Amino acid sequence: MDKHLGQKSAAQFLYPPVDPFDQRVLEVGEGHAIYVEQAGNPEGRPVVVLHGGPGGGCSPAMRRYFDPNRYRIILFDQRGCGRSRPHASVEDNTTWHLVRDIETIRETLNIPRWAVFGGSWGATLALIYAQAHPQAVTHLVLRGVFLMTEGELDWFYGGGAAAFWPESWQRFIAPIPEDERHDMIGAYHRRLFCGDMRQEVIHAKAWSTWENALASISSSGHGGEPPADYARAFARLENHYFTHRGWLGEDRQILDNMGRIEHIPGVIVQGRYDMVCPPQTAWELSRRWPNSELRMIGQAGHALSEPGISEELVRVMNRIAAT
């Protein structure tokens, strides 16, 4: 371990941008085509990166956590978002479709086993995928853990986080009549899928802004103005998944099935002051997973770009590459 690592800026520990050596659109069934890219070293250790949301899409910045000389980096846009098509579609778009898509990518690229790297919803999906296909996973590296439980959804959409950010919460609930505010996910669902594009975009921006406003520890409480196309895909997909509770059979399904992957080594990197996905969840997951390490990062929130989180993720991936 480099004892001076924490004294430098996060930017010095992110690898320089590396262009993809392979980009393709993969037909995965039910009319969906997903964007997939590979970057780094074609002969390197394979790692698949699962973006958040659902609906967030991947970005070039996500390649920068991996040494391009040692990793074969696979990124893709999940169904309905980013460069995948049809855009903002929730038809045949469930957790289990995504798990199948990940396996389709692995088999198409002839990868026997790979590391799985994901944050927020990407951490949820990584755990569900690993529990379904444990033989395919060498390591799990998770950030800002979310397990799709009622308690987590109630925290963020039922008033828990609002106790810390009342002014941001007020902007989020403002478009919703008072008699519907007892179920914000349901209230937004009716508007995000109303068929009126203008109304869908207005509410999609409000939904997306609430989450963005709380992502960083240095936030002012304003989430900015997301582009209409991005906001609509992000909000519709996220709301769709939350409405259906991720199509999990039980509220604590992921925790109750940790025995399936207890042998897989993993690292959980969690911001101490994460307002979107509070640390309690990461701590409970680590207790159910004897082969994991929990790295609680002080002075950090939820965002992947938090300096302490970025530094720790680069450190973890370099350590794995050296094994």
C-alpha atoms as a PDB file:
ATOM      1  CA  MET A   1       0.000   0.000   0.000  1.00  0.00           C
ATOM      2  CA  ASP A   2       1.259   3.461  -0.926  1.00  0.00           C
ATOM      3  CA  LYS A   3       1.161   5.377   2.338  1.00  0.00           C
ATOM      4  CA  HIS A   4       1.102   8.695   0.468  1.00  0.00           C
ATOM      5  CA  LEU A   5      -1.879   7.824  -1.716  1.00  0.00           C
ATOM      6  CA  GLY A   6      -4.467   9.693   0.317  1.00  0.00           C
ATOM      7  CA  GLN A   7      -2.433  12.901   0.275  1.00  0.00           C
ATOM      8  CA  LYS A   8      -2.779  13.527  -3.450  1.00  0.00           C
ATOM      9  CA  SER A   9      -5.734  14.542  -5.572  1.00  0.00           C
ATOM     10  CA  ALA A  10      -8.033  11.861  -6.947  1.00  0.00           C
ATOM     11  CA  ALA A  11      -7.260  12.948 -10.519  1.00  0.00           C
ATOM     12  CA  GLN A  12      -3.674  11.722 -10.121  1.00  0.00           C
ATOM     13  CA  PHE A  13      -4.937   8.205  -9.468  1.00  0.00           C
ATOM     14  CA  LEU A  14      -7.373   7.915 -12.345  1.00  0.00           C
ATOM     15  CA  TYR A  15      -5.812   6.460 -15.462  1.00  0.00           C
ATOM     16  CA  PRO A  16      -5.751   8.663 -18.577  1.00  0.00           C
ATOM     17  CA  PRO A  17      -8.596   8.259 -21.072  1.00  0.00           C
ATOM     18  CA  VAL A  18      -8.256   5.162 -23.218  1.00  0.00           C
ATOM     19  CA  ASP A  19     -10.226   4.724 -26.430  1.00  0.00           C
ATOM     20  CA  PRO A  20     -12.252   1.549 -26.988  1.00  0.00           C
ATOM     21  CA  PHE A  21     -10.691  -1.062 -29.227  1.00  0.00           C
ATOM     22  CA  ASP A  22     -14.105  -2.612 -29.882  1.00  0.00           C
ATOM     23  CA  GLN A  23     -17.587  -1.059 -30.033  1.00  0.00           C
ATOM     24  CA  ARG A  24     -20.684  -2.915 -31.055  1.00  0.00           C
ATOM     25  CA  VAL A  25     -24.453  -3.062 -30.742  1.00  0.00           C
ATOM     26  CA  LEU A  26     -25.596  -6.442 -29.508  1.00  0.00           C
ATOM     27  CA  GLU A  27     -29.100  -7.755 -30.203  1.00  0.00           C
ATOM     28  CA  VAL A  28     -30.308  -9.330 -26.958  1.00  0.00           C
ATOM     29  CA  GLY A  29     -33.925 -10.177 -27.788  1.00  0.00           C
ATOM     30  CA  GLU A  30     -37.402  -8.693 -27.317  1.00  0.00           C
ATOM     31  CA  GLY A  31     -36.475  -5.910 -29.723  1.00  0.00           C
ATOM     32  CA  HIS A  32     -33.655  -4.576 -27.522  1.00  0.00           C
ATOM     33  CA  ALA A  33     -30.159  -3.770 -28.810  1.00  0.00           C
ATOM     34  CA  ILE A  34     -27.506  -2.812 -26.268  1.00  0.00           C
ATOM     35  CA  TYR A  35     -24.334  -0.824 -26.776  1.00  0.00           C
ATOM     36  CA  VAL A  36     -21.151  -2.654 -25.677  1.00  0.00           C
ATOM     37  CA  GLU A  37     -17.559  -1.456 -25.726  1.00  0.00           C
ATOM     38  CA  GLN A  38     -14.160  -2.865 -24.818  1.00  0.00           C
ATOM     39  CA  ALA A  39     -11.097  -0.816 -23.898  1.00  0.00           C
ATOM     40  CA  GLY A  40      -7.660  -1.357 -22.437  1.00  0.00           C
ATOM     41  CA  ASN A  41      -5.658  -4.520 -23.097  1.00  0.00           C
ATOM     42  CA  PRO A  42      -7.438  -7.249 -25.116  1.00  0.00           C
ATOM     43  CA  GLU A  43      -5.284  -9.819 -23.275  1.00  0.00           C
ATOM     44  CA  GLY A  44      -5.762  -8.217 -19.866  1.00  0.00           C
ATOM     45  CA  ARG A  45      -7.813  -9.296 -16.875  1.00  0.00           C
ATOM     46  CA  PRO A  46     -11.482  -8.885 -17.874  1.00  0.00           C
ATOM     47  CA  VAL A  47     -13.730  -6.609 -15.808  1.00  0.00           C
ATOM     48  CA  VAL A  48     -17.326  -5.669 -16.580  1.00  0.00           C
ATOM     49  CA  VAL A  49     -18.589  -2.307 -15.337  1.00  0.00           C
ATOM     50  CA  LEU A  50     -22.250  -1.992 -14.321  1.00  0.00           C
ATOM     51  CA  HIS A  51     -23.549   1.570 -14.311  1.00  0.00           C
ATOM     52  CA  GLY A  52     -26.086   2.984 -11.905  1.00  0.00           C
ATOM     53  CA  GLY A  53     -29.625   4.190 -12.157  1.00  0.00           C
ATOM     54  CA  PRO A  54     -31.248   2.070 -13.461  1.00  0.00           C
ATOM     55  CA  GLY A  55     -31.028   4.216 -16.558  1.00  0.00           C
ATOM     56  CA  GLY A  56     -27.778   6.067 -15.985  1.00  0.00           C
ATOM     57  CA  GLY A  57     -25.776   4.705 -18.911  1.00  0.00           C
ATOM     58  CA  CYS A  58     -22.010   4.252 -19.081  1.00  0.00           C
ATOM     59  CA  SER A  59     -19.468   6.994 -19.783  1.00  0.00           C
ATOM     60  CA  PRO A  60     -15.793   7.218 -20.826  1.00  0.00           C
ATOM     61  CA  ALA A  61     -14.893   8.322 -17.270  1.00  0.00           C
ATOM     62  CA  MET A  62     -15.806   4.850 -16.026  1.00  0.00           C
ATOM     63  CA  ARG A  63     -12.789   3.385 -17.861  1.00  0.00           C
ATOM     64  CA  ARG A  64     -10.396   5.464 -15.795  1.00  0.00           C
ATOM     65  CA  TYR A  65     -10.474   3.272 -12.693  1.00  0.00           C
ATOM     66  CA  PHE A  66      -8.564   0.496 -14.430  1.00  0.00           C
ATOM     67  CA  ASP A  67      -4.953   0.278 -15.563  1.00  0.00           C
ATOM     68  CA  PRO A  68      -5.420  -0.064 -19.353  1.00  0.00           C
ATOM     69  CA  ASN A  69      -2.243  -2.130 -19.609  1.00  0.00           C
ATOM     70  CA  ARG A  70      -3.588  -4.753 -17.212  1.00  0.00           C
ATOM     71  CA  TYR A  71      -7.350  -4.736 -17.708  1.00  0.00           C
ATOM     72  CA  ARG A  72      -9.714  -5.653 -20.501  1.00  0.00           C
ATOM     73  CA  ILE A  73     -12.504  -3.198 -19.646  1.00  0.00           C
ATOM     74  CA  ILE A  74     -16.067  -3.996 -20.748  1.00  0.00           C
ATOM     75  CA  LEU A  75     -18.766  -1.336 -20.450  1.00  0.00           C
ATOM     76  CA  PHE A  76     -22.318  -1.387 -21.735  1.00  0.00           C
ATOM     77  CA  ASP A  77     -25.516   0.640 -21.635  1.00  0.00           C
ATOM     78  CA  GLN A  78     -28.306  -1.327 -20.003  1.00  0.00           C
ATOM     79  CA  ARG A  79     -31.629  -1.740 -21.770  1.00  0.00           C
ATOM     80  CA  GLY A  80     -33.403   1.495 -22.578  1.00  0.00           C
ATOM     81  CA  CYS A  81     -30.647   4.001 -21.804  1.00  0.00           C
ATOM     82  CA  GLY A  82     -27.491   5.552 -23.234  1.00  0.00           C
ATOM     83  CA  ARG A  83     -26.796   4.279 -26.723  1.00  0.00           C
ATOM     84  CA  SER A  84     -28.989   1.203 -26.320  1.00  0.00           C
ATOM     85  CA  ARG A  85     -32.291   1.043 -28.155  1.00  0.00           C
ATOM     86  CA  PRO A  86     -35.235   1.497 -27.932  1.00  0.00           C
ATOM     87  CA  HIS A  87     -34.514   4.577 -25.828  1.00  0.00           C
ATOM     88  CA  ALA A  88     -36.362   5.013 -22.505  1.00  0.00           C
ATOM     89  CA  SER A  89     -38.280   1.778 -23.125  1.00  0.00           C
ATOM     90  CA  VAL A  90     -39.511  -0.252 -20.149  1.00  0.00           C
ATOM     91  CA  GLU A  91     -40.959  -3.065 -22.234  1.00  0.00           C
ATOM     92  CA  ASP A  92     -39.229  -6.383 -21.475  1.00  0.00           C
ATOM     93  CA  ASN A  93     -36.891  -4.438 -19.220  1.00  0.00           C
ATOM     94  CA  THR A  94     -36.457  -6.103 -15.824  1.00  0.00           C
ATOM     95  CA  THR A  95     -33.599  -7.092 -13.527  1.00  0.00           C
ATOM     96  CA  TRP A  96     -33.712 -10.608 -14.926  1.00  0.00           C
ATOM     97  CA  HIS A  97     -33.470  -9.389 -18.514  1.00  0.00           C
ATOM     98  CA  LEU A  98     -30.342  -7.457 -17.487  1.00  0.00           C
ATOM     99  CA  VAL A  99     -28.823 -10.499 -15.781  1.00  0.00           C
ATOM    100  CA  ARG A 100     -29.384 -12.447 -18.992  1.00  0.00           C
ATOM    101  CA  ASP A 101     -27.863  -9.607 -21.040  1.00  0.00           C
ATOM    102  CA  ILE A 102     -24.693  -9.652 -18.920  1.00  0.00           C
ATOM    103  CA  GLU A 103     -24.302 -13.369 -19.558  1.00  0.00           C
ATOM    104  CA  THR A 104     -24.932 -12.810 -23.269  1.00  0.00           C
ATOM    105  CA  ILE A 105     -22.115 -10.255 -23.331  1.00  0.00           C
ATOM    106  CA  ARG A 106     -19.736 -12.601 -21.485  1.00  0.00           C
ATOM    107  CA  GLU A 107     -20.483 -15.498 -23.824  1.00  0.00           C
ATOM    108  CA  THR A 108     -20.326 -13.317 -26.959  1.00  0.00           C
ATOM    109  CA  LEU A 109     -16.894 -12.036 -25.942  1.00  0.00           C
ATOM    110  CA  ASN A 110     -15.682 -15.556 -25.020  1.00  0.00           C
ATOM    111  CA  ILE A 111     -14.785 -14.580 -21.460  1.00  0.00           C
ATOM    112  CA  PRO A 112     -14.749 -17.577 -19.071  1.00  0.00           C
ATOM    113  CA  ARG A 113     -14.758 -15.493 -15.862  1.00  0.00           C
ATOM    114  CA  TRP A 114     -14.517 -11.815 -15.027  1.00  0.00           C
ATOM    115  CA  ALA A 115     -14.436  -9.288 -12.217  1.00  0.00           C
ATOM    116  CA  VAL A 116     -17.655  -7.328 -11.727  1.00  0.00           C
ATOM    117  CA  PHE A 117     -17.471  -3.627 -10.792  1.00  0.00           C
ATOM    118  CA  GLY A 118     -20.609  -1.653  -9.960  1.00  0.00           C
ATOM    119  CA  GLY A 119     -21.918   1.211  -7.889  1.00  0.00           C
ATOM    120  CA  SER A 120     -25.348   2.123  -6.511  1.00  0.00           C
ATOM    121  CA  TRP A 121     -27.855   0.255  -8.732  1.00  0.00           C
ATOM    122  CA  GLY A 122     -24.775  -1.228 -10.432  1.00  0.00           C
ATOM    123  CA  ALA A 123     -23.879  -2.802  -7.072  1.00  0.00           C
ATOM    124  CA  THR A 124     -27.406  -4.229  -6.792  1.00  0.00           C
ATOM    125  CA  LEU A 125     -27.162  -5.726 -10.250  1.00  0.00           C
ATOM    126  CA  ALA A 126     -23.627  -7.033  -9.611  1.00  0.00           C
ATOM    127  CA  LEU A 127     -24.791  -8.950  -6.539  1.00  0.00           C
ATOM    128  CA  ILE A 128     -27.888 -10.365  -8.243  1.00  0.00           C
ATOM    129  CA  TYR A 129     -25.835 -11.393 -11.282  1.00  0.00           C
ATOM    130  CA  ALA A 130     -23.190 -13.042  -9.105  1.00  0.00           C
ATOM    131  CA  GLN A 131     -25.822 -14.947  -7.150  1.00  0.00           C
ATOM    132  CA  ALA A 132     -27.313 -16.206 -10.419  1.00  0.00           C
ATOM    133  CA  HIS A 133     -23.944 -17.018 -12.053  1.00  0.00           C
ATOM    134  CA  PRO A 134     -21.336 -17.443  -9.301  1.00  0.00           C
ATOM    135  CA  GLN A 135     -19.115 -19.572 -11.527  1.00  0.00           C
ATOM    136  CA  ALA A 136     -18.555 -16.574 -13.837  1.00  0.00           C
ATOM    137  CA  VAL A 137     -17.312 -14.104 -11.214  1.00  0.00           C
ATOM    138  CA  THR A 138     -13.736 -13.787  -9.926  1.00  0.00           C
ATOM    139  CA  HIS A 139     -14.171 -10.644  -7.780  1.00  0.00           C
ATOM    140  CA  LEU A 140     -16.885  -8.162  -6.840  1.00  0.00           C
ATOM    141  CA  VAL A 141     -16.005  -4.500  -6.328  1.00  0.00           C
ATOM    142  CA  LEU A 142     -18.988  -2.477  -5.133  1.00  0.00           C
ATOM    143  CA  ARG A 143     -19.503   1.196  -4.350  1.00  0.00           C
ATOM    144  CA  GLY A 144     -22.410   2.992  -2.658  1.00  0.00           C
ATOM    145  CA  VAL A 145     -24.341  -0.193  -1.979  1.00  0.00           C
ATOM    146  CA  PHE A 146     -28.079  -0.395  -2.694  1.00  0.00           C
ATOM    147  CA  LEU A 147     -30.053  -3.626  -2.144  1.00  0.00           C
ATOM    148  CA  MET A 148     -33.537  -2.664  -3.421  1.00  0.00           C
ATOM    149  CA  THR A 149     -35.240  -2.943  -0.033  1.00  0.00           C
ATOM    150  CA  GLU A 150     -38.327  -1.115   1.187  1.00  0.00           C
ATOM    151  CA  GLY A 151     -36.268   0.577   3.875  1.00  0.00           C
ATOM    152  CA  GLU A 152     -33.868   2.082   1.341  1.00  0.00           C
ATOM    153  CA  LEU A 153     -36.659   3.275  -0.946  1.00  0.00           C
ATOM    154  CA  ASP A 154     -38.536   4.738   1.996  1.00  0.00           C
ATOM    155  CA  TRP A 155     -35.386   6.552   3.121  1.00  0.00           C
ATOM    156  CA  PHE A 156     -34.979   8.324  -0.205  1.00  0.00           C
ATOM    157  CA  TYR A 157     -38.582   8.711  -1.373  1.00  0.00           C
ATOM    158  CA  GLY A 158     -40.472   8.646   1.921  1.00  0.00           C
ATOM    159  CA  GLY A 159     -38.880  11.490   3.831  1.00  0.00           C
ATOM    160  CA  GLY A 160     -35.711  10.116   5.429  1.00  0.00           C
ATOM    161  CA  ALA A 161     -33.212  12.025   3.321  1.00  0.00           C
ATOM    162  CA  ALA A 162     -35.624  14.955   3.320  1.00  0.00           C
ATOM    163  CA  ALA A 163     -34.820  15.555   6.987  1.00  0.00           C
ATOM    164  CA  PHE A 164     -31.301  16.558   5.906  1.00  0.00           C
ATOM    165  CA  TRP A 165     -32.251  18.334   2.669  1.00  0.00           C
ATOM    166  CA  PRO A 166     -35.679  19.896   3.262  1.00  0.00           C
ATOM    167  CA  GLU A 167     -35.288  22.594   0.610  1.00  0.00           C
ATOM    168  CA  SER A 168     -34.315  20.055  -2.079  1.00  0.00           C
ATOM    169  CA  TRP A 169     -37.132  17.757  -0.966  1.00  0.00           C
ATOM    170  CA  GLN A 170     -39.613  20.606  -1.300  1.00  0.00           C
ATOM    171  CA  ARG A 171     -38.597  21.098  -4.921  1.00  0.00           C
ATOM    172  CA  PHE A 172     -39.047  17.343  -5.510  1.00  0.00           C
ATOM    173  CA  ILE A 173     -42.547  17.140  -4.022  1.00  0.00           C
ATOM    174  CA  ALA A 174     -43.748  20.488  -5.404  1.00  0.00           C
ATOM    175  CA  PRO A 175     -45.103  19.060  -8.719  1.00  0.00           C
ATOM    176  CA  ILE A 176     -47.168  16.464  -6.843  1.00  0.00           C
ATOM    177  CA  PRO A 177     -50.550  17.265  -5.216  1.00  0.00           C
ATOM    178  CA  GLU A 178     -50.538  16.942  -1.426  1.00  0.00           C
ATOM    179  CA  ASP A 179     -52.998  14.035  -1.414  1.00  0.00           C
ATOM    180  CA  GLU A 180     -50.537  11.931  -3.469  1.00  0.00           C
ATOM    181  CA  ARG A 181     -47.349  12.693  -1.548  1.00  0.00           C
ATOM    182  CA  HIS A 182     -47.675   9.632   0.700  1.00  0.00           C
ATOM    183  CA  ASP A 183     -46.402   7.576  -2.279  1.00  0.00           C
ATOM    184  CA  MET A 184     -43.929   9.611  -4.281  1.00  0.00           C
ATOM    185  CA  ILE A 185     -42.791   6.672  -6.429  1.00  0.00           C
ATOM    186  CA  GLY A 186     -46.400   5.973  -7.431  1.00  0.00           C
ATOM    187  CA  ALA A 187     -47.213   9.636  -7.975  1.00  0.00           C
ATOM    188  CA  TYR A 188     -44.231  10.142 -10.253  1.00  0.00           C
ATOM    189  CA  HIS A 189     -44.966   6.859 -12.042  1.00  0.00           C
ATOM    190  CA  ARG A 190     -48.350   8.145 -13.164  1.00  0.00           C
ATOM    191  CA  ARG A 191     -46.733  11.254 -14.633  1.00  0.00           C
ATOM    192  CA  LEU A 192     -43.604   9.671 -16.134  1.00  0.00           C
ATOM    193  CA  PHE A 193     -45.818   7.264 -18.093  1.00  0.00           C
ATOM    194  CA  CYS A 194     -48.738   9.556 -18.884  1.00  0.00           C
ATOM    195  CA  GLY A 195     -48.127   9.648 -22.650  1.00  0.00           C
ATOM    196  CA  ASP A 196     -47.705  13.427 -22.733  1.00  0.00           C
ATOM    197  CA  MET A 197     -44.057  13.972 -23.647  1.00  0.00           C
ATOM    198  CA  ARG A 198     -43.946  17.474 -22.188  1.00  0.00           C
ATOM    199  CA  GLN A 199     -45.281  16.329 -18.825  1.00  0.00           C
ATOM    200  CA  GLU A 200     -43.016  13.297 -18.811  1.00  0.00           C
ATOM    201  CA  VAL A 201     -39.924  15.482 -19.338  1.00  0.00           C
ATOM    202  CA  ILE A 202     -40.963  18.013 -16.681  1.00  0.00           C
ATOM    203  CA  HIS A 203     -41.380  15.297 -14.077  1.00  0.00           C
ATOM    204  CA  ALA A 204     -38.335  13.371 -15.279  1.00  0.00           C
ATOM    205  CA  LYS A 205     -36.161  16.427 -14.669  1.00  0.00           C
ATOM    206  CA  ALA A 206     -37.612  16.877 -11.176  1.00  0.00           C
ATOM    207  CA  TRP A 207     -37.035  13.186 -10.367  1.00  0.00           C
ATOM    208  CA  SER A 208     -33.456  13.216 -11.662  1.00  0.00           C
ATOM    209  CA  THR A 209     -32.602  16.521  -9.987  1.00  0.00           C
ATOM    210  CA  TRP A 210     -33.600  15.237  -6.529  1.00  0.00           C
ATOM    211  CA  GLU A 211     -31.120  12.363  -6.762  1.00  0.00           C
ATOM    212  CA  ASN A 212     -28.358  14.434  -8.331  1.00  0.00           C
ATOM    213  CA  ALA A 213     -28.734  17.083  -5.640  1.00  0.00           C
ATOM    214  CA  LEU A 214     -27.778  14.634  -2.900  1.00  0.00           C
ATOM    215  CA  ALA A 215     -25.036  12.649  -4.665  1.00  0.00           C
ATOM    216  CA  SER A 216     -21.961  14.603  -3.577  1.00  0.00           C
ATOM    217  CA  ILE A 217     -20.854  15.543  -0.096  1.00  0.00           C
ATOM    218  CA  SER A 218     -20.009  19.006  -1.446  1.00  0.00           C
ATOM    219  CA  SER A 219     -23.463  19.510  -2.983  1.00  0.00           C
ATOM    220  CA  SER A 220     -25.289  22.815  -2.596  1.00  0.00           C
ATOM    221  CA  GLY A 221     -28.594  20.972  -2.803  1.00  0.00           C
ATOM    222  CA  HIS A 222     -29.211  21.841  -6.455  1.00  0.00           C
ATOM    223  CA  GLY A 223     -28.936  19.010  -8.953  1.00  0.00           C
ATOM    224  CA  GLY A 224     -28.524  21.105 -12.084  1.00  0.00           C
ATOM    225  CA  GLU A 225     -30.633  20.891 -15.227  1.00  0.00           C
ATOM    226  CA  PRO A 226     -30.268  17.446 -16.854  1.00  0.00           C
ATOM    227  CA  PRO A 227     -30.811  17.141 -20.623  1.00  0.00           C
ATOM    228  CA  ALA A 228     -34.361  16.127 -21.490  1.00  0.00           C
ATOM    229  CA  ASP A 229     -33.511  12.841 -23.258  1.00  0.00           C
ATOM    230  CA  TYR A 230     -31.211  11.696 -20.460  1.00  0.00           C
ATOM    231  CA  ALA A 231     -33.623  12.706 -17.695  1.00  0.00           C
ATOM    232  CA  ARG A 232     -36.580  10.956 -19.325  1.00  0.00           C
ATOM    233  CA  ALA A 233     -34.710   7.659 -19.759  1.00  0.00           C
ATOM    234  CA  PHE A 234     -33.162   7.820 -16.291  1.00  0.00           C
ATOM    235  CA  ALA A 235     -36.372   8.716 -14.468  1.00  0.00           C
ATOM    236  CA  ARG A 236     -38.645   6.316 -16.349  1.00  0.00           C
ATOM    237  CA  LEU A 237     -36.312   3.358 -15.955  1.00  0.00           C
ATOM    238  CA  GLU A 238     -35.467   4.061 -12.325  1.00  0.00           C
ATOM    239  CA  ASN A 239     -39.106   4.586 -11.400  1.00  0.00           C
ATOM    240  CA  HIS A 240     -40.131   1.462 -13.346  1.00  0.00           C
ATOM    241  CA  TYR A 241     -37.617  -0.666 -11.438  1.00  0.00           C
ATOM    242  CA  PHE A 242     -38.520   0.849  -8.069  1.00  0.00           C
ATOM    243  CA  THR A 243     -42.254   0.454  -8.709  1.00  0.00           C
ATOM    244  CA  HIS A 244     -41.672  -3.262  -9.215  1.00  0.00           C
ATOM    245  CA  ARG A 245     -39.109  -3.486  -6.386  1.00  0.00           C
ATOM    246  CA  GLY A 246     -36.559  -4.863  -8.821  1.00  0.00           C
ATOM    247  CA  TRP A 247     -38.647  -7.980  -9.455  1.00  0.00           C
ATOM    248  CA  LEU A 248     -37.109  -9.556  -6.361  1.00  0.00           C
ATOM    249  CA  GLY A 249     -39.156 -12.240  -4.670  1.00  0.00           C
ATOM    250  CA  GLU A 250     -38.458 -10.999  -1.151  1.00  0.00           C
ATOM    251  CA  ASP A 251     -37.551  -7.659   0.368  1.00  0.00           C
ATOM    252  CA  ARG A 252     -34.174  -8.914   1.622  1.00  0.00           C
ATOM    253  CA  GLN A 253     -33.561 -11.384  -1.188  1.00  0.00           C
ATOM    254  CA  ILE A 254     -29.978 -10.289  -1.856  1.00  0.00           C
ATOM    255  CA  LEU A 255     -28.944 -10.542   1.801  1.00  0.00           C
ATOM    256  CA  ASP A 256     -30.730 -13.860   2.249  1.00  0.00           C
ATOM    257  CA  ASN A 257     -28.862 -15.347  -0.731  1.00  0.00           C
ATOM    258  CA  MET A 258     -25.350 -14.230   0.183  1.00  0.00           C
ATOM    259  CA  GLY A 259     -24.470 -17.853   0.947  1.00  0.00           C
ATOM    260  CA  ARG A 260     -24.364 -18.468  -2.802  1.00  0.00           C
ATOM    261  CA  ILE A 261     -21.414 -16.105  -3.242  1.00  0.00           C
ATOM    262  CA  GLU A 262     -19.714 -16.157   0.149  1.00  0.00           C
ATOM    263  CA  HIS A 263     -16.636 -17.694  -1.498  1.00  0.00           C
ATOM    264  CA  ILE A 264     -16.212 -14.812  -3.987  1.00  0.00           C
ATOM    265  CA  PRO A 265     -13.750 -12.155  -2.773  1.00  0.00           C
ATOM    266  CA  GLY A 266     -15.156  -8.666  -2.694  1.00  0.00           C
ATOM    267  CA  VAL A 267     -14.526  -5.099  -1.634  1.00  0.00           C
ATOM    268  CA  ILE A 268     -17.229  -2.614  -0.640  1.00  0.00           C
ATOM    269  CA  VAL A 269     -16.264   1.061  -0.925  1.00  0.00           C
ATOM    270  CA  GLN A 270     -18.798   3.224   0.887  1.00  0.00           C
ATOM    271  CA  GLY A 271     -19.032   6.960   1.537  1.00  0.00           C
ATOM    272  CA  ARG A 272     -19.568   7.652   5.231  1.00  0.00           C
ATOM    273  CA  TYR A 273     -22.006  10.489   4.438  1.00  0.00           C
ATOM    274  CA  ASP A 274     -23.837   8.861   1.531  1.00  0.00           C
ATOM    275  CA  MET A 275     -27.315  10.428   1.517  1.00  0.00           C
ATOM    276  CA  VAL A 276     -28.606   8.347  -1.406  1.00  0.00           C
ATOM    277  CA  CYS A 277     -27.544   4.914  -0.133  1.00  0.00           C
ATOM    278  CA  PRO A 278     -26.800   5.175   3.617  1.00  0.00           C
ATOM    279  CA  PRO A 279     -23.840   3.169   5.032  1.00  0.00           C
ATOM    280  CA  GLN A 280     -26.054   0.898   7.155  1.00  0.00           C
ATOM    281  CA  THR A 281     -26.756  -1.194   4.056  1.00  0.00           C
ATOM    282  CA  ALA A 282     -23.077  -1.656   3.162  1.00  0.00           C
ATOM    283  CA  TRP A 283     -22.282  -2.570   6.761  1.00  0.00           C
ATOM    284  CA  GLU A 284     -25.056  -5.178   6.891  1.00  0.00           C
ATOM    285  CA  LEU A 285     -23.949  -6.634   3.557  1.00  0.00           C
ATOM    286  CA  SER A 286     -20.364  -6.973   4.805  1.00  0.00           C
ATOM    287  CA  ARG A 287     -21.593  -8.871   7.879  1.00  0.00           C
ATOM    288  CA  ARG A 288     -23.319 -11.415   5.606  1.00  0.00           C
ATOM    289  CA  TRP A 289     -20.265 -11.777   3.359  1.00  0.00           C
ATOM    290  CA  PRO A 290     -17.232 -13.218   5.177  1.00  0.00           C
ATOM    291  CA  ASN A 291     -14.963 -12.908   2.139  1.00  0.00           C
ATOM    292  CA  SER A 292     -15.524  -9.162   1.779  1.00  0.00           C
ATOM    293  CA  GLU A 293     -13.706  -6.040   2.963  1.00  0.00           C
ATOM    294  CA  LEU A 294     -15.641  -2.896   3.864  1.00  0.00           C
ATOM    295  CA  ARG A 295     -13.802   0.365   3.159  1.00  0.00           C
ATOM    296  CA  MET A 296     -15.708   3.225   4.778  1.00  0.00           C
ATOM    297  CA  ILE A 297     -14.523   6.504   3.266  1.00  0.00           C
ATOM    298  CA  GLY A 298     -14.736   9.562   5.522  1.00  0.00           C
ATOM    299  CA  GLN A 299     -15.713  12.922   4.020  1.00  0.00           C
ATOM    300  CA  ALA A 300     -17.397  11.222   1.062  1.00  0.00           C
ATOM    301  CA  GLY A 301     -20.958  10.937  -0.189  1.00  0.00           C
ATOM    302  CA  HIS A 302     -22.474   8.781  -2.907  1.00  0.00           C
ATOM    303  CA  ALA A 303     -20.834   9.926  -6.136  1.00  0.00           C
ATOM    304  CA  LEU A 304     -18.287   7.798  -7.950  1.00  0.00           C
ATOM    305  CA  SER A 305     -16.255  10.976  -8.460  1.00  0.00           C
ATOM    306  CA  GLU A 306     -15.773  11.677  -4.733  1.00  0.00           C
ATOM    307  CA  PRO A 307     -11.961  11.968  -4.325  1.00  0.00           C
ATOM    308  CA  GLY A 308     -11.662   9.453  -1.481  1.00  0.00           C
ATOM    309  CA  ILE A 309     -13.878   6.941  -3.244  1.00  0.00           C
ATOM    310  CA  SER A 310     -11.998   7.327  -6.535  1.00  0.00           C
ATOM    311  CA  GLU A 311      -8.635   6.813  -4.827  1.00  0.00           C
ATOM    312  CA  GLU A 312      -9.812   3.716  -3.003  1.00  0.00           C
ATOM    313  CA  LEU A 313     -11.355   2.139  -6.097  1.00  0.00           C
ATOM    314  CA  VAL A 314      -8.159   2.642  -8.098  1.00  0.00           C
ATOM    315  CA  ARG A 315      -6.131   1.181  -5.226  1.00  0.00           C
ATOM    316  CA  VAL A 316      -8.442  -1.871  -5.051  1.00  0.00           C
ATOM    317  CA  MET A 317      -8.363  -2.525  -8.793  1.00  0.00           C
ATOM    318  CA  ASN A 318      -4.559  -2.218  -8.874  1.00  0.00           C
ATOM    319  CA  ARG A 319      -4.298  -4.724  -6.053  1.00  0.00           C
ATOM    320  CA  ILE A 320      -6.558  -7.189  -7.852  1.00  0.00           C
ATOM    321  CA  ALA A 321      -4.588  -6.767 -11.091  1.00  0.00           C
ATOM    322  CA  ALA A 322      -1.390  -7.657  -9.229  1.00  0.00           C
ATOM    323  CA  THR A 323      -2.730 -10.977  -7.934  1.00  0.00           C
END
